Amino acid sequence: MGRLTALISSLFLVVPLVLGGEYDFTVEVPAGKFQCFFQPVDLTKHKTLEVDYQVIDGGDLNINFMILHGANILKQDQLKVDGSHRIELNQPGDYQVCFDNSFSYQSRKVVFFEIFLFDAHGNLDEADLSAMARTDADLSSKMNELGVTIDEFHRRANGIKNNLNKVEYHQALLRAHEARDRAVMSANFDRVTFWSVVHTLVMVGVAGVQVFMIRSLFEENSKIGKVLRKGKFD
């Protein structure tokens, strides 16, 4: 067990733990603004681009969304709360992920979005463990002593890594849903509090007017009382 642990540690010491094909961001788009974020694409590695987004706070939780390449609009949504788009990449360069909040004059929007870059096999663009392991003679000899092939180890390590990526994705999605629900709940609480105060003030005002008018009926010198009594007896 100790030698296997040392082997795994050695492998990950030579592998940079960079998730090159997965990015997630939380951004704020001010009221009346249009913001774009650039994602460079290398066609030798990247074949598919996927973008998932959702509005988690602000106004009616909606926004306009676009994916651009140059002046070409590849995908577009109007006044959506969330969305998911996947496009096949056939041109290199910078792809733009844009959020348009220009229709809102008062409310800023907080948007959570993720970008995934997949290779031709549908895998994220990440480090090739087997290639790196083959370049390390000492590591290869240790694996041979344990009866573990590089390809088998690579397959299992990639399986674990992909499962962890899925867990991370769903956790980020749940956090975004939680933030959006919290924002909706806070907005509803503010509305209920505001209208409760308004209704309370109106009820107090109406009660005060009623008390004043009833007292006026029994005060002979009250002008309002005279008008009310005159109308009653007429």
Protein backbone atom coordinates (compact mmCIF):
# COMPACT_ATOMS: atom_id res chain seq x y z
CA MET A 1 0.00 0.00 0.00
CA GLY A 2 2.86 2.36 0.85
CA ARG A 3 4.55 1.80 -2.51
CA LEU A 4 1.27 2.33 -4.36
CA THR A 5 0.69 5.59 -2.47
CA ALA A 6 4.21 6.71 -3.34
CA LEU A 7 3.56 5.82 -6.99
CA ILE A 8 0.37 7.89 -7.11
CA SER A 9 2.12 10.79 -5.38
CA SER A 10 4.98 10.62 -7.89
CA LEU A 11 2.58 10.66 -10.80
CA PHE A 12 0.72 13.73 -9.60
CA LEU A 13 3.98 15.51 -8.84
CA VAL A 14 4.80 15.46 -12.54
CA VAL A 15 1.28 16.34 -13.70
CA PRO A 16 0.15 19.97 -13.46
CA LEU A 17 -3.35 19.93 -11.97
CA VAL A 18 -4.90 22.42 -14.36
CA LEU A 19 -8.44 21.97 -15.58
CA GLY A 20 -7.72 23.56 -18.92
CA GLY A 21 -11.16 22.86 -20.38
CA GLU A 22 -13.48 24.01 -17.59
CA TYR A 23 -13.99 27.55 -16.32
CA ASP A 24 -16.67 29.00 -14.06
CA PHE A 25 -17.36 32.62 -13.20
CA THR A 26 -19.81 34.75 -11.26
CA VAL A 27 -20.11 38.25 -12.71
CA GLU A 28 -22.23 41.33 -12.13
CA VAL A 29 -23.72 43.09 -15.15
CA PRO A 30 -24.74 46.66 -14.21
CA ALA A 31 -28.09 48.12 -15.28
CA GLY A 32 -28.06 49.31 -18.88
CA LYS A 33 -24.75 47.59 -19.68
CA PHE A 34 -23.54 45.00 -22.21
CA GLN A 35 -20.58 42.84 -21.18
CA CYS A 36 -18.58 40.22 -23.08
CA PHE A 37 -15.99 37.66 -21.97
CA PHE A 38 -13.46 36.17 -24.38
CA GLN A 39 -12.51 32.51 -24.59
CA PRO A 40 -9.57 31.58 -26.90
CA VAL A 41 -9.96 28.35 -28.87
CA ASP A 42 -7.26 26.10 -30.34
CA LEU A 43 -8.79 23.81 -33.00
CA THR A 44 -5.97 21.29 -32.60
CA LYS A 45 -7.31 20.55 -29.10
CA HIS A 46 -10.81 22.01 -28.89
CA LYS A 47 -13.69 20.67 -30.96
CA THR A 48 -16.78 21.59 -28.92
CA LEU A 49 -17.66 24.59 -26.77
CA GLU A 50 -20.41 24.45 -24.15
CA VAL A 51 -21.70 27.38 -22.10
CA ASP A 52 -24.16 27.07 -19.19
CA TYR A 53 -25.47 30.17 -17.43
CA GLN A 54 -28.13 31.32 -14.99
CA VAL A 55 -29.10 34.63 -13.41
CA ILE A 56 -28.90 34.29 -9.63
CA ASP A 57 -29.75 37.82 -8.47
CA GLY A 58 -31.21 41.10 -9.64
CA GLY A 59 -34.56 42.34 -10.95
CA ASP A 60 -36.73 39.68 -12.59
CA LEU A 61 -33.75 37.29 -12.88
CA ASN A 62 -33.58 37.55 -16.68
CA ILE A 63 -30.95 38.64 -19.19
CA ASN A 64 -30.11 38.55 -22.90
CA PHE A 65 -27.34 36.14 -23.88
CA MET A 66 -25.17 35.69 -26.97
CA ILE A 67 -22.19 33.68 -28.17
CA LEU A 68 -20.22 35.54 -30.84
CA HIS A 69 -17.29 34.77 -33.10
CA GLY A 70 -16.17 37.99 -34.71
CA ALA A 71 -19.34 39.67 -35.96
CA ASN A 72 -21.28 36.38 -36.24
CA ILE A 73 -23.95 35.55 -33.65
CA LEU A 74 -23.75 31.79 -33.05
CA LYS A 75 -26.30 31.45 -30.23
CA GLN A 76 -28.76 33.92 -28.73
CA ASP A 77 -31.33 34.04 -25.90
CA GLN A 78 -33.78 36.80 -25.06
CA LEU A 79 -34.83 37.57 -21.46
CA LYS A 80 -33.94 34.12 -20.13
CA VAL A 81 -33.34 33.08 -16.53
CA ASP A 82 -30.90 30.33 -17.53
CA GLY A 83 -29.71 28.41 -20.55
CA SER A 84 -27.26 25.88 -21.94
CA HIS A 85 -25.68 25.92 -25.41
CA ARG A 86 -23.20 23.65 -27.17
CA ILE A 87 -21.56 24.53 -30.48
CA GLU A 88 -19.18 22.67 -32.77
CA LEU A 89 -15.98 24.61 -33.28
CA ASN A 90 -14.79 25.08 -36.86
CA GLN A 91 -12.91 28.37 -36.61
CA PRO A 92 -9.99 29.27 -34.31
CA GLY A 93 -9.71 32.50 -32.39
CA ASP A 94 -11.56 34.21 -29.58
CA TYR A 95 -15.19 33.34 -28.92
CA GLN A 96 -17.25 35.91 -26.99
CA VAL A 97 -19.76 35.04 -24.28
CA CYS A 98 -21.94 38.15 -23.88
CA PHE A 99 -24.61 39.23 -21.40
CA ASP A 100 -26.89 42.13 -22.30
CA ASN A 101 -28.63 44.00 -19.49
CA SER A 102 -29.25 47.17 -21.49
CA PHE A 103 -33.04 46.69 -21.28
CA SER A 104 -32.93 47.20 -17.49
CA TYR A 105 -32.67 50.79 -16.28
CA GLN A 106 -32.43 50.09 -12.54
CA SER A 107 -31.56 46.45 -11.74
CA ARG A 108 -28.11 44.97 -12.04
CA LYS A 109 -27.87 41.22 -12.70
CA VAL A 110 -25.57 38.68 -11.10
CA VAL A 111 -24.83 35.82 -13.51
CA PHE A 112 -23.13 32.50 -12.86
CA PHE A 113 -21.78 30.77 -15.98
CA GLU A 114 -19.48 27.92 -16.92
CA ILE A 115 -17.45 27.30 -20.08
CA PHE A 116 -16.42 23.80 -21.17
CA LEU A 117 -13.95 22.99 -23.96
CA PHE A 118 -14.11 19.39 -25.20
CA ASP A 119 -11.78 17.49 -27.50
CA ALA A 120 -12.81 15.24 -30.39
CA HIS A 121 -13.62 12.39 -27.96
CA GLY A 122 -15.85 14.54 -25.77
CA ASN A 123 -13.28 14.85 -23.00
CA LEU A 124 -12.19 18.04 -21.30
CA ASP A 125 -8.88 19.48 -22.46
CA GLU A 126 -6.72 18.30 -19.58
CA ALA A 127 -3.28 16.88 -18.98
CA ASP A 128 -2.40 13.57 -20.67
CA LEU A 129 -1.30 11.37 -17.77
CA SER A 130 -0.05 8.48 -19.87
CA ALA A 131 2.21 10.65 -22.03
CA MET A 132 3.73 12.29 -18.98
CA ALA A 133 4.18 8.98 -17.22
CA ARG A 134 6.00 7.48 -20.20
CA THR A 135 8.53 10.32 -20.14
CA ASP A 136 9.48 9.49 -16.54
CA ALA A 137 11.61 6.30 -16.60
CA ASP A 138 11.71 5.96 -12.80
CA LEU A 139 7.94 6.23 -12.58
CA SER A 140 7.46 3.68 -15.36
CA SER A 141 9.74 1.17 -13.60
CA LYS A 142 7.82 1.58 -10.34
CA MET A 143 4.56 0.93 -12.15
CA ASN A 144 5.99 -2.18 -13.82
CA GLU A 145 7.12 -3.52 -10.44
CA LEU A 146 3.56 -3.21 -9.15
CA GLY A 147 2.12 -4.89 -12.25
CA VAL A 148 0.21 -1.75 -13.27
CA THR A 149 0.24 -0.68 -16.89
CA ILE A 150 0.42 2.99 -17.78
CA ASP A 151 -2.68 2.82 -19.97
CA GLU A 152 -4.72 1.10 -17.26
CA PHE A 153 -3.61 3.63 -14.67
CA HIS A 154 -4.34 6.43 -17.12
CA ARG A 155 -7.85 5.08 -17.77
CA ARG A 156 -8.68 4.76 -14.09
CA ALA A 157 -7.18 8.14 -13.18
CA ASN A 158 -9.15 9.81 -15.96
CA GLY A 159 -12.31 8.07 -14.75
CA ILE A 160 -11.78 9.40 -11.22
CA LYS A 161 -10.96 12.85 -12.59
CA ASN A 162 -14.09 12.95 -14.76
CA ASN A 163 -16.27 11.89 -11.83
CA LEU A 164 -14.74 14.61 -9.67
CA ASN A 165 -15.39 17.13 -12.44
CA LYS A 166 -19.06 16.07 -12.50
CA VAL A 167 -19.28 16.42 -8.73
CA GLU A 168 -17.70 19.88 -8.90
CA TYR A 169 -20.08 20.91 -11.69
CA HIS A 170 -23.20 19.81 -9.80
CA GLN A 171 -21.97 21.45 -6.60
CA ALA A 172 -21.43 24.73 -8.45
CA LEU A 173 -24.89 24.39 -10.00
CA LEU A 174 -26.47 23.77 -6.60
CA ARG A 175 -24.64 26.77 -5.14
CA ALA A 176 -25.95 28.93 -7.98
CA HIS A 177 -29.52 27.65 -7.45
CA GLU A 178 -29.19 28.30 -3.73
CA ALA A 179 -27.96 31.85 -4.33
CA ARG A 180 -30.81 32.51 -6.76
CA ASP A 181 -33.43 31.11 -4.35
CA ARG A 182 -31.94 33.17 -1.53
CA ALA A 183 -32.15 36.31 -3.68
CA VAL A 184 -35.79 35.59 -4.59
CA MET A 185 -36.65 34.90 -0.96
CA SER A 186 -34.95 38.12 0.16
CA ALA A 187 -36.82 40.12 -2.50
CA ASN A 188 -40.13 38.56 -1.45
CA PHE A 189 -39.38 39.31 2.19
CA ASP A 190 -38.69 42.96 1.35
CA ARG A 191 -41.96 43.20 -0.63
CA VAL A 192 -44.00 41.60 2.15
CA THR A 193 -42.40 43.88 4.76
CA PHE A 194 -42.99 47.01 2.66
CA TRP A 195 -46.66 46.29 1.93
CA SER A 196 -47.29 45.16 5.50
CA VAL A 197 -46.01 48.54 6.74
CA VAL A 198 -48.14 50.35 4.13
CA HIS A 199 -51.28 48.41 5.08
CA THR A 200 -50.62 49.01 8.78
CA LEU A 201 -50.26 52.75 8.23
CA VAL A 202 -53.44 52.85 6.12
CA MET A 203 -55.40 50.97 8.80
CA VAL A 204 -54.13 53.30 11.52
CA GLY A 205 -55.03 56.32 9.37
CA VAL A 206 -58.54 54.99 8.65
CA ALA A 207 -59.07 54.24 12.34
CA GLY A 208 -57.98 57.76 13.25
CA VAL A 209 -60.37 59.30 10.69
CA GLN A 210 -63.25 57.19 11.99
CA VAL A 211 -62.59 58.18 15.59
CA PHE A 212 -62.39 61.84 14.60
CA MET A 213 -65.64 61.73 12.65
CA ILE A 214 -67.53 59.92 15.42
CA ARG A 215 -66.31 62.44 17.99
CA SER A 216 -67.38 65.25 15.66
CA LEU A 217 -70.96 63.98 15.76
CA PHE A 218 -71.10 64.68 19.50
CA GLU A 219 -69.35 68.06 19.46
CA GLU A 220 -71.79 70.89 18.82
CA ASN A 221 -69.09 73.37 17.82
CA SER A 222 -67.50 71.02 15.29
CA LYS A 223 -68.04 72.13 11.70
CA ILE A 224 -67.62 68.58 10.44
CA GLY A 225 -70.12 67.38 13.05
CA LYS A 226 -72.67 69.98 11.89
CA VAL A 227 -72.25 68.86 8.28
CA LEU A 228 -72.64 65.21 9.25
CA ARG A 229 -75.68 65.87 11.43
CA LYS A 230 -77.27 68.05 8.76
CA GLY A 231 -76.81 65.35 6.13
CA LYS A 232 -78.16 62.72 8.49
CA PHE A 233 -81.33 64.59 9.43
CA ASP A 234 -81.95 65.86 5.92
